[in-house]
Amino acid sequence: MNKTTVKRVIDRQFNLIIDEEKKLRRVLDMETNDEHPEALFSGLYTRVEQHLDEINRLQNRIVVLQDIVDPQ
């Protein structure tokens, strides 16, 4: 198996994770006012969950690729 290709794909996934984490941090830094009902924040919560899902998906790709390259 071409180790260079595997390394490049893993590096690409890591870079995507870093980008997604930056987006997540921006969403988490949004100002929220505790005086409003929690129902108003459901869109914000959904965006946070979407970023978490994407990070999880990218991490799973890395794990699968590592398992294929180096099965234990």
N, C-alpha and C. Protein backbone atom coordinates (compact mmCIF):
# COMPACT_ATOMS: atom_id res chain seq x y z
N MET A 1 0.85 -1.17 0.00
CA MET A 1 0.00 0.00 0.00
C MET A 1 0.89 1.24 0.00
N ASN A 2 0.49 2.22 -0.73
CA ASN A 2 1.26 3.44 -0.86
C ASN A 2 1.12 4.29 0.40
N LYS A 3 2.16 4.30 1.22
CA LYS A 3 2.13 5.03 2.50
C LYS A 3 2.02 6.54 2.29
N THR A 4 2.58 7.03 1.19
CA THR A 4 2.51 8.46 0.92
C THR A 4 1.07 8.88 0.67
N THR A 5 0.34 8.10 -0.09
CA THR A 5 -1.07 8.40 -0.35
C THR A 5 -1.87 8.38 0.94
N VAL A 6 -1.64 7.37 1.75
CA VAL A 6 -2.35 7.25 3.02
C VAL A 6 -2.06 8.45 3.90
N LYS A 7 -0.79 8.83 4.00
CA LYS A 7 -0.41 9.98 4.83
C LYS A 7 -1.09 11.26 4.33
N ARG A 8 -1.12 11.44 3.03
CA ARG A 8 -1.73 12.65 2.47
C ARG A 8 -3.24 12.69 2.73
N VAL A 9 -3.88 11.55 2.62
CA VAL A 9 -5.32 11.51 2.89
C VAL A 9 -5.58 11.80 4.36
N ILE A 10 -4.80 11.21 5.25
CA ILE A 10 -4.97 11.46 6.69
C ILE A 10 -4.70 12.93 7.00
N ASP A 11 -3.65 13.50 6.40
CA ASP A 11 -3.35 14.92 6.62
C ASP A 11 -4.52 15.80 6.15
N ARG A 12 -5.10 15.43 5.03
CA ARG A 12 -6.24 16.18 4.50
C ARG A 12 -7.41 16.12 5.48
N GLN A 13 -7.66 14.95 6.05
CA GLN A 13 -8.75 14.80 7.00
C GLN A 13 -8.48 15.62 8.26
N PHE A 14 -7.23 15.62 8.73
CA PHE A 14 -6.87 16.43 9.90
C PHE A 14 -7.10 17.92 9.62
N ASN A 15 -6.73 18.38 8.43
CA ASN A 15 -6.94 19.78 8.08
C ASN A 15 -8.42 20.13 8.04
N LEU A 16 -9.23 19.21 7.54
CA LEU A 16 -10.67 19.43 7.53
C LEU A 16 -11.23 19.48 8.96
N ILE A 17 -10.69 18.64 9.84
CA ILE A 17 -11.11 18.67 11.25
C ILE A 17 -10.77 20.01 11.87
N ILE A 18 -9.57 20.50 11.61
CA ILE A 18 -9.15 21.79 12.16
C ILE A 18 -10.07 22.90 11.67
N ASP A 19 -10.39 22.89 10.38
CA ASP A 19 -11.32 23.90 9.84
C ASP A 19 -12.69 23.80 10.50
N GLU A 20 -13.16 22.59 10.68
CA GLU A 20 -14.47 22.39 11.28
C GLU A 20 -14.48 22.83 12.75
N GLU A 21 -13.38 22.59 13.45
CA GLU A 21 -13.28 23.03 14.84
C GLU A 21 -13.30 24.56 14.93
N LYS A 22 -12.66 25.23 13.98
CA LYS A 22 -12.69 26.69 13.96
C LYS A 22 -14.12 27.19 13.78
N LYS A 23 -14.85 26.56 12.87
CA LYS A 23 -16.25 26.94 12.65
C LYS A 23 -17.07 26.70 13.91
N LEU A 24 -16.82 25.58 14.58
CA LEU A 24 -17.55 25.25 15.80
C LEU A 24 -17.25 26.29 16.89
N ARG A 25 -15.99 26.67 17.02
CA ARG A 25 -15.63 27.68 18.02
C ARG A 25 -16.34 29.01 17.76
N ARG A 26 -16.46 29.39 16.49
CA ARG A 26 -17.17 30.63 16.16
C ARG A 26 -18.62 30.54 16.58
N VAL A 27 -19.24 29.39 16.34
CA VAL A 27 -20.64 29.22 16.74
C VAL A 27 -20.76 29.26 18.26
N LEU A 28 -19.84 28.61 18.96
CA LEU A 28 -19.90 28.58 20.41
C LEU A 28 -19.60 29.94 21.04
N ASP A 29 -18.89 30.80 20.30
CA ASP A 29 -18.58 32.14 20.81
C ASP A 29 -19.72 33.13 20.61
N MET A 30 -20.76 32.71 19.90
CA MET A 30 -21.88 33.63 19.67
C MET A 30 -22.49 34.04 20.99
N GLU A 31 -22.83 35.30 21.07
CA GLU A 31 -23.43 35.84 22.29
C GLU A 31 -24.85 35.31 22.44
N THR A 32 -25.13 34.78 23.59
CA THR A 32 -26.50 34.33 23.89
C THR A 32 -26.98 35.07 25.13
N ASN A 33 -28.23 35.35 25.14
CA ASN A 33 -28.83 36.08 26.25
C ASN A 33 -29.69 35.09 27.04
N ASP A 34 -29.34 34.88 28.28
CA ASP A 34 -30.05 33.90 29.11
C ASP A 34 -31.48 34.32 29.44
N GLU A 35 -31.85 35.53 29.07
CA GLU A 35 -33.21 35.98 29.34
C GLU A 35 -34.21 35.40 28.35
N HIS A 36 -33.72 34.94 27.20
CA HIS A 36 -34.61 34.39 26.19
C HIS A 36 -34.91 32.92 26.49
N PRO A 37 -36.07 32.45 26.05
CA PRO A 37 -36.38 31.03 26.26
C PRO A 37 -35.43 30.14 25.46
N GLU A 38 -35.17 28.98 25.99
CA GLU A 38 -34.22 28.07 25.37
C GLU A 38 -34.66 27.65 23.97
N ALA A 39 -35.94 27.65 23.69
CA ALA A 39 -36.44 27.25 22.37
C ALA A 39 -35.88 28.14 21.26
N LEU A 40 -35.54 29.38 21.59
CA LEU A 40 -34.98 30.28 20.59
C LEU A 40 -33.58 29.86 20.14
N PHE A 41 -32.93 29.04 20.94
CA PHE A 41 -31.56 28.63 20.64
C PHE A 41 -31.48 27.30 19.92
N SER A 42 -32.61 26.74 19.54
CA SER A 42 -32.57 25.42 18.91
C SER A 42 -31.77 25.43 17.61
N GLY A 43 -31.82 26.51 16.85
CA GLY A 43 -31.02 26.61 15.62
C GLY A 43 -29.53 26.62 15.92
N LEU A 44 -29.17 27.31 16.98
CA LEU A 44 -27.77 27.35 17.39
C LEU A 44 -27.31 25.96 17.82
N TYR A 45 -28.14 25.29 18.59
CA TYR A 45 -27.80 23.93 19.03
C TYR A 45 -27.66 22.99 17.84
N THR A 46 -28.53 23.17 16.86
CA THR A 46 -28.48 22.33 15.66
C THR A 46 -27.17 22.55 14.91
N ARG A 47 -26.74 23.80 14.81
CA ARG A 47 -25.47 24.10 14.13
C ARG A 47 -24.30 23.47 14.87
N VAL A 48 -24.31 23.55 16.19
CA VAL A 48 -23.24 22.93 16.99
C VAL A 48 -23.22 21.43 16.73
N GLU A 49 -24.38 20.81 16.75
CA GLU A 49 -24.46 19.37 16.52
C GLU A 49 -24.00 18.99 15.12
N GLN A 50 -24.28 19.83 14.13
CA GLN A 50 -23.83 19.56 12.77
C GLN A 50 -22.31 19.59 12.69
N HIS A 51 -21.69 20.55 13.34
CA HIS A 51 -20.23 20.62 13.35
C HIS A 51 -19.64 19.40 14.06
N LEU A 52 -20.24 19.01 15.16
CA LEU A 52 -19.77 17.82 15.89
C LEU A 52 -19.90 16.57 15.05
N ASP A 53 -21.01 16.44 14.33
CA ASP A 53 -21.21 15.29 13.46
C ASP A 53 -20.14 15.24 12.36
N GLU A 54 -19.81 16.38 11.80
CA GLU A 54 -18.80 16.43 10.74
C GLU A 54 -17.42 16.07 11.29
N ILE A 55 -17.08 16.57 12.46
CA ILE A 55 -15.80 16.22 13.08
C ILE A 55 -15.75 14.72 13.35
N ASN A 56 -16.83 14.17 13.85
CA ASN A 56 -16.90 12.73 14.12
C ASN A 56 -16.73 11.92 12.83
N ARG A 57 -17.37 12.36 11.76
CA ARG A 57 -17.28 11.66 10.48
C ARG A 57 -15.83 11.67 9.96
N LEU A 58 -15.17 12.80 10.08
CA LEU A 58 -13.78 12.91 9.62
C LEU A 58 -12.85 12.04 10.47
N GLN A 59 -13.08 12.03 11.78
CA GLN A 59 -12.26 11.19 12.66
C GLN A 59 -12.46 9.71 12.33
N ASN A 60 -13.68 9.33 12.03
CA ASN A 60 -13.95 7.94 11.67
C ASN A 60 -13.23 7.55 10.39
N ARG A 61 -13.14 8.46 9.45
CA ARG A 61 -12.41 8.18 8.21
C ARG A 61 -10.94 7.88 8.50
N ILE A 62 -10.36 8.68 9.39
CA ILE A 62 -8.95 8.47 9.73
C ILE A 62 -8.76 7.11 10.38
N VAL A 63 -9.64 6.77 11.31
CA VAL A 63 -9.54 5.48 12.02
C VAL A 63 -9.67 4.32 11.04
N VAL A 64 -10.63 4.40 10.14
CA VAL A 64 -10.82 3.32 9.16
C VAL A 64 -9.59 3.18 8.28
N LEU A 65 -9.06 4.29 7.81
CA LEU A 65 -7.87 4.24 6.98
C LEU A 65 -6.68 3.66 7.73
N GLN A 66 -6.51 4.05 8.98
CA GLN A 66 -5.42 3.50 9.79
C GLN A 66 -5.59 2.00 10.01
N ASP A 67 -6.83 1.56 10.21
CA ASP A 67 -7.08 0.13 10.39
C ASP A 67 -6.80 -0.66 9.12
N ILE A 68 -7.08 -0.07 7.98
CA ILE A 68 -6.82 -0.76 6.71
C ILE A 68 -5.31 -0.88 6.48
N VAL A 69 -4.57 0.21 6.78
CA VAL A 69 -3.14 0.22 6.56
C VAL A 69 -2.41 -0.66 7.56
N ASP A 70 -2.84 -0.61 8.81
CA ASP A 70 -2.13 -1.33 9.87
C ASP A 70 -3.13 -2.13 10.72
N PRO A 71 -3.68 -3.22 10.17
CA PRO A 71 -4.64 -4.01 10.95
C PRO A 71 -3.94 -4.67 12.14
N GLN A 72 -4.64 -4.73 13.24
CA GLN A 72 -4.00 -5.31 14.43
C GLN A 72 -4.63 -6.61 14.82
